[in-house]
């Protein structure tokens, strides 16, 4: 917003310097003439100030909402100061003063960790175990070994894993397929609609363009505005991608993915659908989040994976991203 305001202010100064866009008989002006450039500069300054204060208010409200959510989430935790966690060969037990919950390792679907805690996800719930609760680094290592061993043993995939790493081309191809077939073009359409409205406003203010020199200046301003819009969209949509080693299993139950710090298992019914071209598969968790499976990593198992995906998932339709559940009709 600040960039657009600065651009319009520069445009207004250019209009004022060249004496263009004079409005005759402007109310309250003794000379009878008023430069449209000065009006644009004033509106740009007012817009920049409004954007600044609105942003400050939005950040303050976001912080207050975040703090309230943290307090509400903490208040929902049973016995936050009296909790225990135990793990053995059969599973783990999470206890508090309200009672205990035991989960077998066969229900473990997700594992990850960072420098502060472990996260163990099952089909029913998620357990967060802070590393500060362990009495020694050896205990942390012991739990890590148990979890990694169990989540590997319990996976229902008999075929060997696929070892791979993403490339930048994989992410570019995934984004291109998402834009072409999954409605990814819609955010760009909003940018170009905004650009068209801005150009229309500039044309109305300019109201000239009679000489070649003025036409050249106008073309340069329009190109600069287009470049700003595209740059803002590209920067806002840029994400950090992971290019490290990955291990993937797939089978009738779903996908099992592992990197050096986490493991996760996703059932096929957790995906909304899939898209495919000659290079990649996209498996959609939601309309904006998808998993890229490059065909180059599948090798001889490409047909097996393709058949499994086509059997388990529908084609993703961004117009109706959430397919209606099939309701069984009882016989008459």
C-alpha atoms as a PDB file:
ATOM      1  CA  UNK A   1       0.000   0.000   0.000  1.00  0.00           C
ATOM      2  CA  UNK A   2       2.838   2.378   0.841  1.00  0.00           C
ATOM      3  CA  UNK A   3       4.503   1.535  -2.479  1.00  0.00           C
ATOM      4  CA  UNK A   4       1.353   2.368  -4.419  1.00  0.00           C
ATOM      5  CA  UNK A   5       0.924   5.639  -2.503  1.00  0.00           C
ATOM      6  CA  UNK A   6       4.530   6.626  -3.233  1.00  0.00           C
ATOM      7  CA  UNK A   7       4.004   5.850  -6.909  1.00  0.00           C
ATOM      8  CA  UNK A   8       0.861   7.985  -7.103  1.00  0.00           C
ATOM      9  CA  UNK A   9       2.596  10.823  -5.245  1.00  0.00           C
ATOM     10  CA  UNK A  10       5.457  10.758  -7.784  1.00  0.00           C
ATOM     11  CA  UNK A  11       2.907  10.759 -10.576  1.00  0.00           C
ATOM     12  CA  UNK A  12       1.172  13.760  -9.015  1.00  0.00           C
ATOM     13  CA  UNK A  13       4.458  15.681  -8.758  1.00  0.00           C
ATOM     14  CA  UNK A  14       5.148  14.942 -12.432  1.00  0.00           C
ATOM     15  CA  UNK A  15       1.699  16.181 -13.435  1.00  0.00           C
ATOM     16  CA  UNK A  16       2.115  19.341 -11.327  1.00  0.00           C
ATOM     17  CA  UNK A  17       5.624  20.027 -12.680  1.00  0.00           C
ATOM     18  CA  UNK A  18       4.429  19.831 -16.297  1.00  0.00           C
ATOM     19  CA  UNK A  19       1.353  21.943 -15.581  1.00  0.00           C
ATOM     20  CA  UNK A  20      -1.003  19.263 -16.782  1.00  0.00           C
ATOM     21  CA  UNK A  21      -4.409  18.401 -15.477  1.00  0.00           C
ATOM     22  CA  UNK A  22      -5.454  21.925 -14.506  1.00  0.00           C
ATOM     23  CA  UNK A  23      -9.000  22.148 -13.211  1.00  0.00           C
ATOM     24  CA  UNK A  24     -10.679  25.522 -13.822  1.00  0.00           C
ATOM     25  CA  UNK A  25     -13.007  27.108 -11.336  1.00  0.00           C
ATOM     26  CA  UNK A  26     -12.022  24.807  -8.465  1.00  0.00           C
ATOM     27  CA  UNK A  27     -13.992  25.863  -5.371  1.00  0.00           C
ATOM     28  CA  UNK A  28     -12.008  27.856  -2.833  1.00  0.00           C
ATOM     29  CA  UNK A  29      -9.033  28.655  -5.114  1.00  0.00           C
ATOM     30  CA  UNK A  30      -8.615  32.386  -5.874  1.00  0.00           C
ATOM     31  CA  UNK A  31      -6.606  31.931  -9.052  1.00  0.00           C
ATOM     32  CA  UNK A  32      -9.401  29.898 -10.546  1.00  0.00           C
ATOM     33  CA  UNK A  33      -7.075  27.013 -11.427  1.00  0.00           C
ATOM     34  CA  UNK A  34      -6.009  23.995  -9.393  1.00  0.00           C
ATOM     35  CA  UNK A  35      -3.459  21.359 -10.361  1.00  0.00           C
ATOM     36  CA  UNK A  36      -4.762  17.806 -10.360  1.00  0.00           C
ATOM     37  CA  UNK A  37      -1.195  16.761  -9.502  1.00  0.00           C
ATOM     38  CA  UNK A  38      -1.435  18.517  -6.129  1.00  0.00           C
ATOM     39  CA  UNK A  39      -4.704  16.705  -5.492  1.00  0.00           C
ATOM     40  CA  UNK A  40      -3.073  13.358  -6.282  1.00  0.00           C
ATOM     41  CA  UNK A  41      -0.136  14.132  -3.954  1.00  0.00           C
ATOM     42  CA  UNK A  42      -2.510  15.095  -1.162  1.00  0.00           C
ATOM     43  CA  UNK A  43      -4.636  11.988  -1.607  1.00  0.00           C
ATOM     44  CA  UNK A  44      -1.501   9.811  -1.715  1.00  0.00           C
ATOM     45  CA  UNK A  45      -0.195  11.299   1.524  1.00  0.00           C
ATOM     46  CA  UNK A  46      -3.568  10.824   3.185  1.00  0.00           C
ATOM     47  CA  UNK A  47      -3.712   7.233   1.938  1.00  0.00           C
ATOM     48  CA  UNK A  48      -0.202   6.485   3.212  1.00  0.00           C
ATOM     49  CA  UNK A  49      -1.043   7.865   6.666  1.00  0.00           C
ATOM     50  CA  UNK A  50      -4.295   5.928   6.778  1.00  0.00           C
ATOM     51  CA  UNK A  51      -2.534   2.716   5.722  1.00  0.00           C
ATOM     52  CA  UNK A  52       0.157   3.230   8.391  1.00  0.00           C
ATOM     53  CA  UNK A  53      -2.278   3.725  11.252  1.00  0.00           C
ATOM     54  CA  UNK A  54      -4.601   0.953  10.057  1.00  0.00           C
ATOM     55  CA  UNK A  55      -1.647  -1.423   9.920  1.00  0.00           C
ATOM     56  CA  UNK A  56      -0.559  -0.467  13.445  1.00  0.00           C
ATOM     57  CA  UNK A  57      -4.077  -1.070  14.714  1.00  0.00           C
ATOM     58  CA  UNK A  58      -4.281  -4.401  12.878  1.00  0.00           C
ATOM     59  CA  UNK A  59      -0.968  -5.560  14.377  1.00  0.00           C
ATOM     60  CA  UNK A  60      -2.070  -4.534  17.866  1.00  0.00           C
ATOM     61  CA  UNK A  61      -5.359  -6.389  17.500  1.00  0.00           C
ATOM     62  CA  UNK A  62      -3.573  -9.457  16.104  1.00  0.00           C
ATOM     63  CA  UNK A  63      -1.248  -9.516  19.117  1.00  0.00           C
ATOM     64  CA  UNK A  64      -4.166  -9.170  21.504  1.00  0.00           C
ATOM     65  CA  UNK A  65      -6.037 -11.969  19.723  1.00  0.00           C
ATOM     66  CA  UNK A  66      -2.968 -14.187  19.760  1.00  0.00           C
ATOM     67  CA  UNK A  67      -2.475 -13.640  23.483  1.00  0.00           C
ATOM     68  CA  UNK A  68      -6.146 -14.341  24.167  1.00  0.00           C
ATOM     69  CA  UNK A  69      -5.967 -17.569  22.157  1.00  0.00           C
ATOM     70  CA  UNK A  70      -2.874 -18.685  24.062  1.00  0.00           C
ATOM     71  CA  UNK A  71      -4.558 -18.002  27.402  1.00  0.00           C
ATOM     72  CA  UNK A  72      -7.744 -19.757  26.295  1.00  0.00           C
ATOM     73  CA  UNK A  73      -5.794 -22.756  25.008  1.00  0.00           C
ATOM     74  CA  UNK A  74      -3.816 -23.013  28.230  1.00  0.00           C
ATOM     75  CA  UNK A  75      -7.028 -22.807  30.264  1.00  0.00           C
ATOM     76  CA  UNK A  76      -8.432 -25.804  28.351  1.00  0.00           C
ATOM     77  CA  UNK A  77      -5.499 -28.043  29.287  1.00  0.00           C
ATOM     78  CA  UNK A  78      -6.370 -30.505  32.029  1.00  0.00           C
ATOM     79  CA  UNK A  79      -4.020 -30.258  35.000  1.00  0.00           C
ATOM     80  CA  UNK A  80      -1.279 -28.256  33.240  1.00  0.00           C
ATOM     81  CA  UNK A  81       1.047 -28.516  36.254  1.00  0.00           C
ATOM     82  CA  UNK A  82       0.547 -32.230  37.005  1.00  0.00           C
ATOM     83  CA  UNK A  83       1.181 -34.267  33.879  1.00  0.00           C
ATOM     84  CA  UNK A  84       3.250 -37.390  33.200  1.00  0.00           C
ATOM     85  CA  UNK A  85       4.310 -39.234  30.087  1.00  0.00           C
ATOM     86  CA  UNK A  86       5.571 -42.815  29.943  1.00  0.00           C
ATOM     87  CA  UNK A  87       6.603 -44.944  26.970  1.00  0.00           C
ATOM     88  CA  UNK A  88       7.281 -48.676  26.728  1.00  0.00           C
ATOM     89  CA  UNK A  89       7.455 -51.386  24.079  1.00  0.00           C
ATOM     90  CA  UNK A  90       3.684 -51.467  23.590  1.00  0.00           C
ATOM     91  CA  UNK A  91       2.789 -47.786  23.523  1.00  0.00           C
ATOM     92  CA  UNK A  92       2.727 -44.644  25.639  1.00  0.00           C
ATOM     93  CA  UNK A  93       0.623 -43.362  28.509  1.00  0.00           C
ATOM     94  CA  UNK A  94      -0.272 -39.691  29.073  1.00  0.00           C
ATOM     95  CA  UNK A  95      -1.593 -39.001  32.562  1.00  0.00           C
ATOM     96  CA  UNK A  96      -2.850 -36.130  34.667  1.00  0.00           C
ATOM     97  CA  UNK A  97      -4.929 -35.828  37.831  1.00  0.00           C
ATOM     98  CA  UNK A  98      -8.067 -36.446  35.757  1.00  0.00           C
ATOM     99  CA  UNK A  99      -6.930 -39.856  34.539  1.00  0.00           C
ATOM    100  CA  UNK A 100      -4.737 -41.650  32.010  1.00  0.00           C
ATOM    101  CA  UNK A 101      -4.881 -42.300  28.282  1.00  0.00           C
ATOM    102  CA  UNK A 102      -2.946 -45.146  26.714  1.00  0.00           C
ATOM    103  CA  UNK A 103      -2.164 -45.270  22.983  1.00  0.00           C
ATOM    104  CA  UNK A 104      -0.527 -48.234  21.222  1.00  0.00           C
ATOM    105  CA  UNK A 105       2.277 -47.493  18.808  1.00  0.00           C
ATOM    106  CA  UNK A 106       0.091 -48.742  15.959  1.00  0.00           C
ATOM    107  CA  UNK A 107      -2.009 -45.559  16.316  1.00  0.00           C
ATOM    108  CA  UNK A 108       0.983 -43.250  15.943  1.00  0.00           C
ATOM    109  CA  UNK A 109       0.557 -41.342  12.663  1.00  0.00           C
ATOM    110  CA  UNK A 110       2.853 -38.345  13.091  1.00  0.00           C
ATOM    111  CA  UNK A 111       6.087 -37.527  14.851  1.00  0.00           C
ATOM    112  CA  UNK A 112       8.222 -34.402  14.848  1.00  0.00           C
ATOM    113  CA  UNK A 113      10.527 -32.539  17.190  1.00  0.00           C
ATOM    114  CA  UNK A 114      12.486 -29.346  17.550  1.00  0.00           C
ATOM    115  CA  UNK A 115      14.915 -28.076  20.159  1.00  0.00           C
ATOM    116  CA  UNK A 116      12.125 -27.620  22.740  1.00  0.00           C
ATOM    117  CA  UNK A 117       9.605 -30.455  22.501  1.00  0.00           C
ATOM    118  CA  UNK A 118       8.423 -33.702  20.909  1.00  0.00           C
ATOM    119  CA  UNK A 119       5.098 -33.927  19.083  1.00  0.00           C
ATOM    120  CA  UNK A 120       3.371 -37.318  18.876  1.00  0.00           C
ATOM    121  CA  UNK A 121       0.188 -37.416  16.821  1.00  0.00           C
ATOM    122  CA  UNK A 122      -2.343 -40.254  16.823  1.00  0.00           C
ATOM    123  CA  UNK A 123      -5.701 -40.753  15.164  1.00  0.00           C
ATOM    124  CA  UNK A 124      -7.450 -39.365  18.271  1.00  0.00           C
ATOM    125  CA  UNK A 125      -5.203 -36.650  19.697  1.00  0.00           C
ATOM    126  CA  UNK A 126      -1.793 -35.007  19.803  1.00  0.00           C
ATOM    127  CA  UNK A 127       0.660 -35.161  22.695  1.00  0.00           C
ATOM    128  CA  UNK A 128       3.304 -32.465  23.170  1.00  0.00           C
ATOM    129  CA  UNK A 129       6.158 -33.510  25.457  1.00  0.00           C
ATOM    130  CA  UNK A 130       8.600 -30.719  26.427  1.00  0.00           C
ATOM    131  CA  UNK A 131      12.251 -31.743  26.484  1.00  0.00           C
ATOM    132  CA  UNK A 132      12.773 -29.666  29.604  1.00  0.00           C
ATOM    133  CA  UNK A 133      10.800 -32.329  31.518  1.00  0.00           C
ATOM    134  CA  UNK A 134      13.476 -34.990  30.887  1.00  0.00           C
ATOM    135  CA  UNK A 135      16.097 -35.562  33.542  1.00  0.00           C
ATOM    136  CA  UNK A 136      19.010 -35.910  31.071  1.00  0.00           C
ATOM    137  CA  UNK A 137      19.895 -35.694  27.368  1.00  0.00           C
ATOM    138  CA  UNK A 138      20.151 -39.484  27.399  1.00  0.00           C
ATOM    139  CA  UNK A 139      16.446 -39.770  28.208  1.00  0.00           C
ATOM    140  CA  UNK A 140      15.620 -37.498  25.266  1.00  0.00           C
ATOM    141  CA  UNK A 141      17.696 -39.708  22.978  1.00  0.00           C
ATOM    142  CA  UNK A 142      16.049 -42.846  24.349  1.00  0.00           C
ATOM    143  CA  UNK A 143      12.518 -41.596  23.613  1.00  0.00           C
ATOM    144  CA  UNK A 144      13.587 -40.497  20.128  1.00  0.00           C
ATOM    145  CA  UNK A 145      14.976 -43.947  19.357  1.00  0.00           C
ATOM    146  CA  UNK A 146      11.840 -45.686  20.613  1.00  0.00           C
ATOM    147  CA  UNK A 147       9.522 -43.476  18.572  1.00  0.00           C
ATOM    148  CA  UNK A 148      11.578 -43.751  15.384  1.00  0.00           C
ATOM    149  CA  UNK A 149      11.785 -47.513  15.732  1.00  0.00           C
ATOM    150  CA  UNK A 150       8.077 -47.954  16.399  1.00  0.00           C
ATOM    151  CA  UNK A 151       6.779 -45.608  13.715  1.00  0.00           C
ATOM    152  CA  UNK A 152       8.998 -47.414  11.210  1.00  0.00           C
ATOM    153  CA  UNK A 153       7.987 -50.911  12.316  1.00  0.00           C
ATOM    154  CA  UNK A 154       4.288 -50.110  12.497  1.00  0.00           C
ATOM    155  CA  UNK A 155       3.973 -48.639   9.027  1.00  0.00           C
ATOM    156  CA  UNK A 156       1.811 -50.910   6.843  1.00  0.00           C
ATOM    157  CA  UNK A 157       4.067 -50.722   3.770  1.00  0.00           C
ATOM    158  CA  UNK A 158       5.950 -53.786   2.624  1.00  0.00           C
ATOM    159  CA  UNK A 159       7.600 -52.191  -0.442  1.00  0.00           C
ATOM    160  CA  UNK A 160      11.032 -50.535  -0.036  1.00  0.00           C
ATOM    161  CA  UNK A 161      11.081 -46.765   0.530  1.00  0.00           C
ATOM    162  CA  UNK A 162      11.730 -44.171  -2.157  1.00  0.00           C
ATOM    163  CA  UNK A 163      14.657 -41.885  -1.317  1.00  0.00           C
ATOM    164  CA  UNK A 164      14.608 -38.473  -2.990  1.00  0.00           C
ATOM    165  CA  UNK A 165      15.021 -34.721  -2.634  1.00  0.00           C
ATOM    166  CA  UNK A 166      12.980 -31.938  -4.205  1.00  0.00           C
ATOM    167  CA  UNK A 167      14.479 -29.616  -6.792  1.00  0.00           C
ATOM    168  CA  UNK A 168      13.503 -26.052  -7.615  1.00  0.00           C
ATOM    169  CA  UNK A 169      12.082 -27.287 -10.894  1.00  0.00           C
ATOM    170  CA  UNK A 170       9.690 -29.581  -8.977  1.00  0.00           C
ATOM    171  CA  UNK A 171       8.255 -26.611  -7.101  1.00  0.00           C
ATOM    172  CA  UNK A 172       8.034 -24.510 -10.277  1.00  0.00           C
ATOM    173  CA  UNK A 173       6.191 -27.284 -12.071  1.00  0.00           C
ATOM    174  CA  UNK A 174       3.883 -27.784  -9.113  1.00  0.00           C
ATOM    175  CA  UNK A 175       3.020 -24.102  -8.991  1.00  0.00           C
ATOM    176  CA  UNK A 176       2.444 -24.004 -12.746  1.00  0.00           C
ATOM    177  CA  UNK A 177       0.054 -26.974 -12.595  1.00  0.00           C
ATOM    178  CA  UNK A 178      -1.738 -25.419  -9.618  1.00  0.00           C
ATOM    179  CA  UNK A 179      -2.166 -22.146 -11.518  1.00  0.00           C
ATOM    180  CA  UNK A 180      -3.404 -23.845 -14.695  1.00  0.00           C
ATOM    181  CA  UNK A 181      -5.826 -26.391 -13.279  1.00  0.00           C
ATOM    182  CA  UNK A 182      -6.531 -25.625  -9.616  1.00  0.00           C
ATOM    183  CA  UNK A 183      -7.587 -21.986  -9.613  1.00  0.00           C
ATOM    184  CA  UNK A 184      -4.149 -20.642  -8.726  1.00  0.00           C
ATOM    185  CA  UNK A 185      -4.679 -17.914 -11.309  1.00  0.00           C
ATOM    186  CA  UNK A 186      -7.356 -16.227  -9.210  1.00  0.00           C
ATOM    187  CA  UNK A 187      -5.006 -14.248  -6.897  1.00  0.00           C
ATOM    188  CA  UNK A 188      -3.175 -12.987  -9.978  1.00  0.00           C
ATOM    189  CA  UNK A 189      -6.495 -11.956 -11.503  1.00  0.00           C
ATOM    190  CA  UNK A 190      -7.184  -9.773  -8.458  1.00  0.00           C
ATOM    191  CA  UNK A 191      -3.797  -8.090  -8.942  1.00  0.00           C
ATOM    192  CA  UNK A 192      -4.531  -7.308 -12.588  1.00  0.00           C
ATOM    193  CA  UNK A 193      -8.037  -6.057 -11.776  1.00  0.00           C
ATOM    194  CA  UNK A 194      -6.499  -3.686  -9.230  1.00  0.00           C
ATOM    195  CA  UNK A 195      -3.960  -2.635 -11.836  1.00  0.00           C
ATOM    196  CA  UNK A 196      -6.709  -1.970 -14.394  1.00  0.00           C
ATOM    197  CA  UNK A 197      -8.586   0.216 -11.903  1.00  0.00           C
ATOM    198  CA  UNK A 198      -5.409   2.154 -11.135  1.00  0.00           C
ATOM    199  CA  UNK A 199      -4.693   2.662 -14.824  1.00  0.00           C
ATOM    200  CA  UNK A 200      -8.257   3.842 -15.376  1.00  0.00           C
ATOM    201  CA  UNK A 201      -7.852   6.374 -12.569  1.00  0.00           C
ATOM    202  CA  UNK A 202      -4.557   7.628 -13.959  1.00  0.00           C
ATOM    203  CA  UNK A 203      -6.071   8.005 -17.433  1.00  0.00           C
ATOM    204  CA  UNK A 204      -8.932  10.022 -15.986  1.00  0.00           C
ATOM    205  CA  UNK A 205      -6.523  12.308 -14.115  1.00  0.00           C
ATOM    206  CA  UNK A 206      -4.076  12.639 -16.984  1.00  0.00           C
ATOM    207  CA  UNK A 207      -6.742  13.528 -19.559  1.00  0.00           C
ATOM    208  CA  UNK A 208      -4.116  14.437 -22.077  1.00  0.00           C
ATOM    209  CA  UNK A 209      -1.519  12.307 -23.884  1.00  0.00           C
ATOM    210  CA  UNK A 210      -1.624  14.498 -27.032  1.00  0.00           C
ATOM    211  CA  UNK A 211       2.097  14.563 -27.773  1.00  0.00           C
ATOM    212  CA  UNK A 212       4.516  11.719 -28.325  1.00  0.00           C
ATOM    213  CA  UNK A 213       6.575  12.809 -25.328  1.00  0.00           C
ATOM    214  CA  UNK A 214       3.564  12.674 -23.034  1.00  0.00           C
ATOM    215  CA  UNK A 215       2.552   9.300 -24.462  1.00  0.00           C
ATOM    216  CA  UNK A 216       6.048   7.965 -23.754  1.00  0.00           C
ATOM    217  CA  UNK A 217       5.921   9.232 -20.156  1.00  0.00           C
ATOM    218  CA  UNK A 218       2.464   7.711 -19.739  1.00  0.00           C
ATOM    219  CA  UNK A 219       3.684   4.350 -21.097  1.00  0.00           C
ATOM    220  CA  UNK A 220       6.621   4.404 -18.676  1.00  0.00           C
ATOM    221  CA  UNK A 221       4.361   5.114 -15.692  1.00  0.00           C
ATOM    222  CA  UNK A 222       1.978   2.324 -16.668  1.00  0.00           C
ATOM    223  CA  UNK A 223       4.869  -0.119 -17.055  1.00  0.00           C
ATOM    224  CA  UNK A 224       6.265   0.881 -13.650  1.00  0.00           C
ATOM    225  CA  UNK A 225       2.883   0.316 -12.009  1.00  0.00           C
ATOM    226  CA  UNK A 226       2.595  -3.109 -13.662  1.00  0.00           C
ATOM    227  CA  UNK A 227       6.099  -4.024 -12.470  1.00  0.00           C
ATOM    228  CA  UNK A 228       5.254  -2.975  -8.894  1.00  0.00           C
ATOM    229  CA  UNK A 229       2.064  -5.067  -8.899  1.00  0.00           C
ATOM    230  CA  UNK A 230       3.825  -8.162 -10.235  1.00  0.00           C
ATOM    231  CA  UNK A 231       6.776  -7.726  -7.871  1.00  0.00           C
ATOM    232  CA  UNK A 232       4.520  -7.368  -4.834  1.00  0.00           C
ATOM    233  CA  UNK A 233       2.607 -10.489  -5.822  1.00  0.00           C
ATOM    234  CA  UNK A 234       5.788 -12.472  -6.451  1.00  0.00           C
ATOM    235  CA  UNK A 235       7.386 -11.423  -3.149  1.00  0.00           C
ATOM    236  CA  UNK A 236       4.230 -12.057  -1.101  1.00  0.00           C
ATOM    237  CA  UNK A 237       3.781 -15.534  -2.621  1.00  0.00           C
ATOM    238  CA  UNK A 238       7.401 -16.638  -2.264  1.00  0.00           C
ATOM    239  CA  UNK A 239       7.923 -19.412   0.264  1.00  0.00           C
ATOM    240  CA  UNK A 240      10.948 -21.204   1.616  1.00  0.00           C
ATOM    241  CA  UNK A 241      11.064 -24.734   0.273  1.00  0.00           C
ATOM    242  CA  UNK A 242      12.739 -27.788   1.754  1.00  0.00           C
ATOM    243  CA  UNK A 243      15.408 -29.378  -0.445  1.00  0.00           C
ATOM    244  CA  UNK A 244      16.833 -31.873   2.045  1.00  0.00           C
ATOM    245  CA  UNK A 245      16.604 -35.687   1.949  1.00  0.00           C
ATOM    246  CA  UNK A 246      13.180 -37.343   2.094  1.00  0.00           C
ATOM    247  CA  UNK A 247      11.951 -40.904   2.336  1.00  0.00           C
ATOM    248  CA  UNK A 248       8.519 -41.940   1.098  1.00  0.00           C
ATOM    249  CA  UNK A 249       6.454 -45.114   1.433  1.00  0.00           C
ATOM    250  CA  UNK A 250       3.081 -45.547  -0.221  1.00  0.00           C
ATOM    251  CA  UNK A 251       0.481 -48.262  -0.199  1.00  0.00           C
ATOM    252  CA  UNK A 252      -3.174 -49.011   0.195  1.00  0.00           C
ATOM    253  CA  UNK A 253      -3.251 -47.223   3.587  1.00  0.00           C
ATOM    254  CA  UNK A 254      -1.782 -43.921   2.455  1.00  0.00           C
ATOM    255  CA  UNK A 255       1.552 -42.073   2.360  1.00  0.00           C
ATOM    256  CA  UNK A 256       4.379 -42.227   4.893  1.00  0.00           C
ATOM    257  CA  UNK A 257       6.908 -39.376   4.629  1.00  0.00           C
ATOM    258  CA  UNK A 258      10.065 -38.909   6.644  1.00  0.00           C
ATOM    259  CA  UNK A 259      12.760 -36.257   6.848  1.00  0.00           C
ATOM    260  CA  UNK A 260      15.681 -36.035   9.293  1.00  0.00           C
ATOM    261  CA  UNK A 261      13.557 -34.405  12.032  1.00  0.00           C
ATOM    262  CA  UNK A 262       9.990 -35.633  11.522  1.00  0.00           C
ATOM    263  CA  UNK A 263       7.776 -38.388  10.186  1.00  0.00           C
ATOM    264  CA  UNK A 264       4.145 -38.333   9.150  1.00  0.00           C
ATOM    265  CA  UNK A 265       1.522 -40.668   7.779  1.00  0.00           C
ATOM    266  CA  UNK A 266      -1.450 -39.424   5.758  1.00  0.00           C
ATOM    267  CA  UNK A 267      -4.371 -41.669   4.887  1.00  0.00           C
ATOM    268  CA  UNK A 268      -5.849 -41.352   1.422  1.00  0.00           C
ATOM    269  CA  UNK A 269      -9.129 -40.063   2.844  1.00  0.00           C
ATOM    270  CA  UNK A 270      -7.230 -37.078   4.271  1.00  0.00           C
ATOM    271  CA  UNK A 271      -6.665 -35.741   0.727  1.00  0.00           C
ATOM    272  CA  UNK A 272      -9.321 -33.840  -1.229  1.00  0.00           C
ATOM    273  CA  UNK A 273      -8.123 -35.004  -4.619  1.00  0.00           C
ATOM    274  CA  UNK A 274      -5.244 -35.000  -7.074  1.00  0.00           C
ATOM    275  CA  UNK A 275      -4.008 -33.393 -10.274  1.00  0.00           C
ATOM    276  CA  UNK A 276      -1.484 -34.780 -12.722  1.00  0.00           C
ATOM    277  CA  UNK A 277       0.581 -33.827 -15.741  1.00  0.00           C
ATOM    278  CA  UNK A 278       3.472 -35.560 -17.477  1.00  0.00           C
ATOM    279  CA  UNK A 279       5.962 -34.556 -14.738  1.00  0.00           C
ATOM    280  CA  UNK A 280       4.238 -34.511 -11.338  1.00  0.00           C
ATOM    281  CA  UNK A 281       1.289 -35.414  -9.156  1.00  0.00           C
ATOM    282  CA  UNK A 282      -0.307 -32.879  -6.807  1.00  0.00           C
ATOM    283  CA  UNK A 283      -2.146 -34.345  -3.803  1.00  0.00           C
ATOM    284  CA  UNK A 284      -4.390 -31.698  -2.195  1.00  0.00           C
ATOM    285  CA  UNK A 285      -4.784 -31.446   1.577  1.00  0.00           C
ATOM    286  CA  UNK A 286      -6.903 -28.319   1.074  1.00  0.00           C
ATOM    287  CA  UNK A 287      -7.479 -25.902  -1.834  1.00  0.00           C
ATOM    288  CA  UNK A 288      -4.244 -24.021  -1.074  1.00  0.00           C
ATOM    289  CA  UNK A 289      -2.027 -26.783   0.300  1.00  0.00           C
ATOM    290  CA  UNK A 290      -0.774 -29.660  -1.809  1.00  0.00           C
ATOM    291  CA  UNK A 291       1.918 -32.322  -1.724  1.00  0.00           C
ATOM    292  CA  UNK A 292       4.178 -32.556  -4.788  1.00  0.00           C
ATOM    293  CA  UNK A 293       5.116 -36.067  -5.949  1.00  0.00           C
ATOM    294  CA  UNK A 294       7.528 -35.852  -8.909  1.00  0.00           C
ATOM    295  CA  UNK A 295       7.150 -38.708 -11.364  1.00  0.00           C
ATOM    296  CA  UNK A 296      10.921 -38.873 -11.797  1.00  0.00           C
ATOM    297  CA  UNK A 297      11.314 -40.370  -8.292  1.00  0.00           C
ATOM    298  CA  UNK A 298       8.828 -43.198  -8.874  1.00  0.00           C
ATOM    299  CA  UNK A 299      10.783 -45.027 -11.545  1.00  0.00           C
ATOM    300  CA  UNK A 300       9.287 -48.445 -12.273  1.00  0.00           C
ATOM    301  CA  UNK A 301       6.602 -47.877  -9.642  1.00  0.00           C
ATOM    302  CA  UNK A 302       4.999 -44.954 -11.486  1.00  0.00           C
ATOM    303  CA  UNK A 303       2.143 -47.046 -12.862  1.00  0.00           C
ATOM    304  CA  UNK A 304       1.540 -48.582  -9.423  1.00  0.00           C
ATOM    305  CA  UNK A 305       1.348 -45.147  -7.817  1.00  0.00           C
ATOM    306  CA  UNK A 306      -0.853 -43.784 -10.631  1.00  0.00           C
ATOM    307  CA  UNK A 307      -3.322 -46.650 -10.312  1.00  0.00           C
ATOM    308  CA  UNK A 308      -3.446 -46.274  -6.537  1.00  0.00           C
ATOM    309  CA  UNK A 309      -4.080 -42.514  -6.718  1.00  0.00           C
ATOM    310  CA  UNK A 310      -6.795 -42.887  -9.354  1.00  0.00           C
ATOM    311  CA  UNK A 311      -8.487 -45.568  -7.261  1.00  0.00           C
ATOM    312  CA  UNK A 312      -8.329 -43.730  -3.944  1.00  0.00           C
ATOM    313  CA  UNK A 313      -8.815 -40.074  -4.921  1.00  0.00           C
ATOM    314  CA  UNK A 314     -11.060 -38.018  -7.214  1.00  0.00           C
ATOM    315  CA  UNK A 315      -9.706 -35.421  -9.598  1.00  0.00           C
ATOM    316  CA  UNK A 316      -9.373 -32.146  -7.713  1.00  0.00           C
ATOM    317  CA  UNK A 317     -11.965 -29.556  -8.751  1.00  0.00           C
ATOM    318  CA  UNK A 318     -11.219 -26.079  -7.389  1.00  0.00           C
ATOM    319  CA  UNK A 319     -14.821 -25.002  -8.063  1.00  0.00           C
ATOM    320  CA  UNK A 320     -16.054 -27.772  -5.738  1.00  0.00           C
ATOM    321  CA  UNK A 321     -12.990 -28.566  -3.625  1.00  0.00           C
ATOM    322  CA  UNK A 322     -14.863 -30.527  -0.966  1.00  0.00           C
ATOM    323  CA  UNK A 323     -16.606 -33.477  -2.608  1.00  0.00           C
ATOM    324  CA  UNK A 324     -19.986 -34.380  -1.142  1.00  0.00           C
ATOM    325  CA  UNK A 325     -19.941 -37.422   1.063  1.00  0.00           C
ATOM    326  CA  UNK A 326     -21.687 -40.463  -0.348  1.00  0.00           C
ATOM    327  CA  UNK A 327     -24.739 -41.292   1.729  1.00  0.00           C
ATOM    328  CA  UNK A 328     -25.756 -44.914   1.764  1.00  0.00           C
ATOM    329  CA  UNK A 329     -29.440 -45.398   0.965  1.00  0.00           C
ATOM    330  CA  UNK A 330     -31.033 -48.277   2.926  1.00  0.00           C
ATOM    331  CA  UNK A 331     -32.902 -50.808   0.819  1.00  0.00           C
ATOM    332  CA  UNK A 332     -36.659 -50.425   0.698  1.00  0.00           C
END
